């Protein structure tokens, strides 16, 4: 019956939602812990991500609707972005997957 089909769909949908949550939370944790060379910033409004990068002493690399890619040479860039109102900050592959400074710890 139709109700049996929906019951079987619940488990895969729940598993997919859990996998997405783990992925998003993991990427945010990597950005927060390692302070990557370039980040993707998601913010509530179109220009808010660009503004957050500028206010956090960063340089804007690219921008789009609700997100922007930026970089900074100063330590604590991700923390400053969150303080400026960024909703979500991810490490960016802008400099390439194998760039030696992709994940760097600032001293």
Protein backbone atom coordinates (compact mmCIF):
# COMPACT_ATOMS: atom_id res chain seq x y z
CA UNK A 1 0.00 0.00 0.00
CA UNK A 2 0.96 3.67 -0.19
CA UNK A 3 1.64 3.95 3.56
CA UNK A 4 4.16 1.09 3.37
CA UNK A 5 6.13 2.91 0.67
CA UNK A 6 6.41 6.06 2.82
CA UNK A 7 7.52 3.99 5.81
CA UNK A 8 10.36 2.51 3.74
CA UNK A 9 11.43 5.99 2.57
CA UNK A 10 11.79 7.36 6.10
CA UNK A 11 15.01 5.46 6.91
CA UNK A 12 16.97 6.48 3.78
CA UNK A 13 15.86 10.10 4.13
CA UNK A 14 16.87 10.15 7.78
CA UNK A 15 20.25 8.64 6.91
CA UNK A 16 20.82 11.18 4.15
CA UNK A 17 19.93 14.05 6.49
CA UNK A 18 22.36 12.69 9.11
CA UNK A 19 25.13 12.36 6.50
CA UNK A 20 24.58 15.94 5.32
CA UNK A 21 24.66 17.21 8.89
CA UNK A 22 27.94 15.38 9.58
CA UNK A 23 29.44 16.75 6.34
CA UNK A 24 28.45 20.37 6.98
CA UNK A 25 29.45 20.26 10.66
CA UNK A 26 32.76 18.59 9.78
CA UNK A 27 33.66 21.20 7.18
CA UNK A 28 32.80 24.01 9.60
CA UNK A 29 34.93 22.38 12.30
CA UNK A 30 37.88 22.08 9.89
CA UNK A 31 37.60 25.77 9.00
CA UNK A 32 37.39 26.77 12.66
CA UNK A 33 40.25 24.51 13.82
CA UNK A 34 42.80 24.99 11.03
CA UNK A 35 42.19 28.60 9.90
CA UNK A 36 42.48 27.84 6.15
CA UNK A 37 44.15 30.16 3.67
CA UNK A 38 40.88 30.81 1.81
CA UNK A 39 37.29 30.40 3.00
CA UNK A 40 33.76 30.47 1.65
CA UNK A 41 31.48 32.65 3.78
CA UNK A 42 27.70 32.24 3.83
CA UNK A 43 25.70 35.14 5.22
CA UNK A 44 22.04 36.20 5.43
CA UNK A 45 22.01 38.90 2.74
CA UNK A 46 23.62 39.31 -0.68
CA UNK A 47 26.30 41.77 0.42
CA UNK A 48 26.63 40.59 4.04
CA UNK A 49 29.27 37.96 3.21
CA UNK A 50 31.44 40.51 1.38
CA UNK A 51 30.99 43.00 4.19
CA UNK A 52 31.93 40.38 6.82
CA UNK A 53 35.16 39.62 4.92
CA UNK A 54 36.06 43.31 4.72
CA UNK A 55 35.24 43.93 8.40
CA UNK A 56 37.33 40.88 9.41
CA UNK A 57 40.44 42.34 7.71
CA UNK A 58 40.20 39.99 4.76
CA UNK A 59 40.43 40.28 1.00
CA UNK A 60 37.48 39.40 -1.21
CA UNK A 61 38.31 36.86 -3.93
CA UNK A 62 34.85 36.13 -5.40
CA UNK A 63 31.25 36.71 -4.45
CA UNK A 64 27.77 35.50 -5.31
CA UNK A 65 24.24 35.65 -3.91
CA UNK A 66 24.56 35.01 -0.17
CA UNK A 67 28.17 33.84 -0.23
CA UNK A 68 31.67 35.13 -0.85
CA UNK A 69 35.18 33.70 -0.97
CA UNK A 70 37.88 35.53 0.92
CA UNK A 71 41.34 35.25 2.39
CA UNK A 72 43.40 36.88 5.12
CA UNK A 73 47.01 36.77 6.26
CA UNK A 74 46.09 37.39 9.90
CA UNK A 75 45.39 34.60 12.37
CA UNK A 76 41.81 34.07 13.58
CA UNK A 77 40.11 34.99 10.31
CA UNK A 78 37.33 32.41 10.70
CA UNK A 79 36.57 33.56 14.24
CA UNK A 80 36.43 37.19 13.11
CA UNK A 81 34.04 36.25 10.29
CA UNK A 82 31.65 34.61 12.74
CA UNK A 83 31.92 37.69 14.96
CA UNK A 84 30.95 39.84 11.95
CA UNK A 85 27.74 37.84 11.41
CA UNK A 86 28.70 35.05 9.01
CA UNK A 87 26.27 32.15 9.24
CA UNK A 88 28.67 29.49 8.02
CA UNK A 89 32.36 29.40 7.05
CA UNK A 90 33.90 26.58 5.00
CA UNK A 91 37.43 26.00 3.77
CA UNK A 92 37.74 26.91 0.08
CA UNK A 93 39.59 25.09 -2.65
CA UNK A 94 40.27 28.39 -4.43
CA UNK A 95 44.03 27.93 -4.25
CA UNK A 96 43.78 24.32 -5.38
CA UNK A 97 43.59 20.99 -3.64
CA UNK A 98 47.34 20.52 -3.40
CA UNK A 99 48.46 24.06 -2.52
CA UNK A 100 51.04 23.84 0.29
CA UNK A 101 49.38 26.62 2.31
CA UNK A 102 45.79 25.37 1.94
CA UNK A 103 45.57 24.50 5.64
CA UNK A 104 47.99 26.45 7.75
CA UNK A 105 48.22 27.14 11.46
CA UNK A 106 48.93 30.77 12.27
CA UNK A 107 51.36 31.37 15.10
